[in-house]
Amino acid sequence: MSLSVKICGLSDAIAVAAAVAGGARFVGFVFYPPSPRCVAPEQAGALALPVPDEISRVGVFVDPDDDLLDSVMAQLDLDFIQLHGSESVERAAEIKLRTGAGIIKAIKLAAPGDSDAATPYHTVADWILFDAKAPKSLRGALPGGNALAFDWTMLANEPQPAAGLPWLLSGGLDIDNLAKAVRISGARAVDVSSGVESAPGKKDAELVRQFLALGAEL
């Protein structure tokens, strides 16, 4: 069984086409202005038009307010809202009810036991995404997409790292370490952004193709 792959931070039609042609399960659009991958709702709506229904459209947000959620949902019908901030379980439930979309909650890992933070979201989240927690010393760190990996054995040592929910592995993945990351962590779904870029925010269609081809073999 091949990996399920999410290509995140898409901002141009060529990269979207590469993700679709390569068999991505999810395509992600970022709605967080500090990120170099941020797109306007109208731009995301246009990019998502050729994406077939069997590929899930994901909007990535950081502590979004209702106005932002409404403006994005007016432009494209997201299948999932990915929450990458400090959203509470209650706020996640409000967002799920307001948008009608599934919830992917990002949990940041740096030390054993950090995955326990996923447990309270079991009642509202559809997926958990495990990402690397940026060290305080990292200047200009974003909530995600920092090209940082974490110790994957932290997930391998947990019988149910996401409290029984399906989960995605994220953080510093690329074609050079994907196979190792999957082997160690046991992940069956992964999320990649900076690992398929030629520069921050600039997706490389060939790297997207190669990553997806490798994922299909694992």
Protein backbone atom coordinates (compact mmCIF):
# COMPACT_ATOMS: atom_id res chain seq x y z
CA MET A 1 0.00 0.00 0.00
CA SER A 2 1.47 3.33 -1.05
CA LEU A 3 1.79 6.31 1.23
CA SER A 4 -0.88 8.97 1.36
CA VAL A 5 0.88 12.24 0.57
CA LYS A 6 -0.12 15.82 1.21
CA ILE A 7 1.64 18.45 -0.88
CA CYS A 8 1.27 21.62 1.17
CA GLY A 9 1.89 25.30 0.59
CA LEU A 10 0.90 25.27 -3.08
CA SER A 11 0.83 28.66 -4.75
CA ASP A 12 1.09 28.14 -8.52
CA ALA A 13 -0.77 26.15 -11.14
CA ILE A 14 2.28 24.17 -12.32
CA ALA A 15 2.90 22.74 -8.85
CA VAL A 16 -0.80 21.96 -8.39
CA ALA A 17 -0.80 20.10 -11.70
CA ALA A 18 2.28 18.12 -10.63
CA ALA A 19 0.60 17.19 -7.34
CA VAL A 20 -2.55 16.04 -9.11
CA ALA A 21 -0.69 14.10 -11.82
CA GLY A 22 1.58 12.47 -9.24
CA GLY A 23 -1.27 11.08 -7.17
CA ALA A 24 -1.29 13.31 -4.09
CA ARG A 25 -4.11 12.49 -1.67
CA PHE A 26 -4.23 16.03 -0.28
CA VAL A 27 -3.30 19.46 -1.62
CA GLY A 28 -2.75 22.25 0.89
CA PHE A 29 -3.13 26.02 0.66
CA VAL A 30 -1.74 28.27 3.39
CA PHE A 31 -3.74 31.20 4.72
CA TYR A 32 -1.22 32.69 7.14
CA PRO A 33 0.34 35.97 5.95
CA PRO A 34 3.78 35.59 7.61
CA SER A 35 4.37 32.44 5.58
CA PRO A 36 6.09 32.73 2.18
CA ARG A 37 3.51 30.16 1.01
CA CYS A 38 0.48 32.28 1.89
CA VAL A 39 -2.15 32.71 -0.82
CA ALA A 40 -5.21 34.93 -1.01
CA PRO A 41 -8.60 33.20 -0.89
CA GLU A 42 -9.32 34.15 -4.51
CA GLN A 43 -5.95 32.78 -5.66
CA ALA A 44 -6.51 29.50 -3.82
CA GLY A 45 -9.97 29.20 -5.32
CA ALA A 46 -8.54 29.47 -8.83
CA LEU A 47 -5.74 27.00 -8.09
CA ALA A 48 -8.17 24.46 -6.68
CA LEU A 49 -10.53 24.48 -9.66
CA PRO A 50 -8.75 21.71 -11.63
CA VAL A 51 -8.23 19.50 -8.57
CA PRO A 52 -10.43 16.39 -8.91
CA ASP A 53 -12.87 15.53 -6.14
CA GLU A 54 -10.93 12.45 -5.03
CA ILE A 55 -8.06 14.71 -3.88
CA SER A 56 -8.82 16.51 -0.63
CA ARG A 57 -8.38 20.28 -0.49
CA VAL A 58 -6.85 21.46 2.77
CA GLY A 59 -6.69 25.01 4.09
CA VAL A 60 -3.89 25.68 6.59
CA PHE A 61 -4.66 28.28 9.27
CA VAL A 62 -3.07 29.61 12.43
CA ASP A 63 -5.62 30.67 15.06
CA PRO A 64 -8.04 31.92 12.37
CA ASP A 65 -10.93 34.23 13.10
CA ASP A 66 -14.38 33.66 11.64
CA ASP A 67 -13.99 36.38 9.00
CA LEU A 68 -10.95 34.68 7.49
CA LEU A 69 -12.62 31.29 7.53
CA ASP A 70 -15.72 32.71 5.86
CA SER A 71 -13.73 34.50 3.16
CA VAL A 72 -11.80 31.35 2.29
CA MET A 73 -14.82 29.05 2.28
CA ALA A 74 -16.61 31.50 -0.02
CA GLN A 75 -13.90 30.91 -2.63
CA LEU A 76 -13.30 27.18 -2.35
CA ASP A 77 -15.02 24.29 -0.65
CA LEU A 78 -12.31 22.96 1.64
CA ASP A 79 -12.47 19.33 2.66
CA PHE A 80 -10.25 19.91 5.69
CA ILE A 81 -9.20 22.79 7.90
CA GLN A 82 -5.67 22.29 9.22
CA LEU A 83 -5.14 24.13 12.49
CA HIS A 84 -1.51 24.95 13.13
CA GLY A 85 -1.80 27.34 16.05
CA SER A 86 -2.90 27.18 19.67
CA GLU A 87 -6.54 26.40 18.88
CA SER A 88 -8.37 24.76 21.78
CA VAL A 89 -10.57 21.70 21.40
CA GLU A 90 -13.59 23.99 21.80
CA ARG A 91 -12.38 26.36 19.07
CA ALA A 92 -11.66 23.44 16.75
CA ALA A 93 -15.21 22.21 17.28
CA GLU A 94 -16.59 25.68 16.50
CA ILE A 95 -14.56 25.80 13.28
CA LYS A 96 -15.73 22.34 12.25
CA LEU A 97 -19.36 23.30 12.78
CA ARG A 98 -18.99 26.66 11.02
CA THR A 99 -17.21 25.37 7.92
CA GLY A 100 -18.52 21.82 7.61
CA ALA A 101 -14.96 20.71 6.91
CA GLY A 102 -12.96 18.02 8.65
CA ILE A 103 -10.25 19.03 11.11
CA ILE A 104 -6.54 18.26 10.91
CA LYS A 105 -4.87 19.39 14.14
CA ALA A 106 -1.13 19.96 14.13
CA ILE A 107 0.77 18.79 17.20
CA LYS A 108 4.38 19.92 17.55
CA LEU A 109 6.95 17.47 18.89
CA ALA A 110 10.35 18.01 20.45
CA ALA A 111 10.52 15.56 23.36
CA PRO A 112 9.00 12.22 24.37
CA GLY A 113 5.46 12.68 25.61
CA ASP A 114 4.70 15.70 23.42
CA SER A 115 2.35 13.53 21.37
CA ASP A 116 0.07 13.34 24.42
CA ALA A 117 -1.21 16.76 23.38
CA ALA A 118 -3.17 15.00 20.62
CA THR A 119 -5.39 13.13 23.07
CA PRO A 120 -7.88 15.94 23.89
CA TYR A 121 -8.56 16.48 20.18
CA HIS A 122 -9.81 12.92 19.73
CA THR A 123 -13.41 14.13 20.02
CA VAL A 124 -13.19 16.71 17.23
CA ALA A 125 -10.22 16.07 14.92
CA ASP A 126 -10.35 13.77 11.90
CA TRP A 127 -6.57 13.65 11.52
CA ILE A 128 -3.56 14.60 13.62
CA LEU A 129 -0.45 16.04 11.97
CA PHE A 130 2.83 15.65 13.85
CA ASP A 131 5.36 18.37 13.07
CA ALA A 132 8.65 19.50 14.57
CA LYS A 133 8.53 22.08 17.32
CA ALA A 134 10.87 24.92 16.40
CA PRO A 135 13.46 25.75 19.08
CA LYS A 136 13.19 29.17 20.67
CA SER A 137 16.63 29.97 19.27
CA LEU A 138 15.38 29.71 15.67
CA ARG A 139 14.91 33.26 14.44
CA GLY A 140 11.87 33.91 12.28
CA ALA A 141 10.40 30.48 12.98
CA LEU A 142 6.93 29.82 11.58
CA PRO A 143 4.24 27.55 13.07
CA GLY A 144 5.22 25.04 10.38
CA GLY A 145 7.28 24.74 7.21
CA ASN A 146 10.63 25.38 8.89
CA ALA A 147 12.32 22.37 7.23
CA LEU A 148 12.95 20.88 10.67
CA ALA A 149 12.69 17.19 11.48
CA PHE A 150 12.24 15.60 14.90
CA ASP A 151 13.22 12.27 16.41
CA TRP A 152 10.86 9.88 14.61
CA THR A 153 11.36 7.17 17.22
CA MET A 154 9.09 9.22 19.48
CA LEU A 155 6.19 8.06 17.31
CA ALA A 156 7.48 4.54 16.82
CA ASN A 157 7.51 4.02 20.58
CA GLU A 158 3.85 5.03 20.95
CA PRO A 159 1.27 2.29 20.20
CA GLN A 160 -1.33 4.96 19.37
CA PRO A 161 0.50 8.26 18.92
CA ALA A 162 -2.62 10.08 17.74
CA ALA A 163 -5.00 8.63 20.33
CA GLY A 164 -6.43 6.28 17.72
CA LEU A 165 -6.89 8.89 14.99
CA PRO A 166 -5.20 8.64 11.60
CA TRP A 167 -2.09 10.81 11.43
CA LEU A 168 0.36 12.47 9.09
CA LEU A 169 4.10 12.84 9.58
CA SER A 170 5.50 16.26 8.77
CA GLY A 171 8.67 18.24 9.38
CA GLY A 172 11.77 18.37 7.21
CA LEU A 173 10.77 15.56 4.86
CA ASP A 174 12.34 15.28 1.40
CA ILE A 175 13.22 12.60 -1.12
CA ASP A 176 16.46 11.82 0.71
CA ASN A 177 14.95 11.00 4.10
CA LEU A 178 11.37 9.96 3.31
CA ALA A 179 11.99 6.22 3.27
CA LYS A 180 13.92 6.36 6.55
CA ALA A 181 11.27 8.54 8.20
CA VAL A 182 8.50 6.16 7.22
CA ARG A 183 10.46 3.09 8.29
CA ILE A 184 11.25 4.50 11.73
CA SER A 185 7.98 6.28 12.53
CA GLY A 186 5.56 3.81 10.96
CA ALA A 187 3.74 6.66 9.20
CA ARG A 188 1.33 5.79 6.39
CA ALA A 189 0.56 9.41 5.53
CA VAL A 190 3.01 12.29 5.17
CA ASP A 191 2.96 16.02 4.61
CA VAL A 192 5.67 17.86 2.66
CA SER A 193 6.17 21.53 1.87
CA SER A 194 9.70 22.95 2.05
CA GLY A 195 11.15 19.59 1.01
CA VAL A 196 9.79 20.01 -2.53
CA GLU A 197 10.83 23.64 -2.99
CA SER A 198 13.65 25.32 -4.87
CA ALA A 199 13.32 28.37 -2.59
CA PRO A 200 11.03 29.25 0.33
CA GLY A 201 7.50 29.32 -1.05
CA LYS A 202 8.54 28.22 -4.56
CA LYS A 203 7.49 24.65 -5.33
CA ASP A 204 9.64 22.65 -7.75
CA ALA A 205 7.35 20.55 -9.95
CA GLU A 206 10.07 17.94 -10.54
CA LEU A 207 10.69 17.53 -6.81
CA VAL A 208 6.94 17.18 -6.29
CA ARG A 209 6.89 14.46 -8.93
CA GLN A 210 9.86 12.63 -7.42
CA PHE A 211 8.49 12.79 -3.88
CA LEU A 212 5.13 11.39 -4.96
CA ALA A 213 6.77 8.67 -7.05
CA LEU A 214 8.83 7.59 -4.05
CA GLY A 215 5.76 7.67 -1.82
CA ALA A 216 3.97 5.35 -4.21
CA GLU A 217 6.72 2.77 -3.72
CA LEU A 218 6.69 2.82 0.09
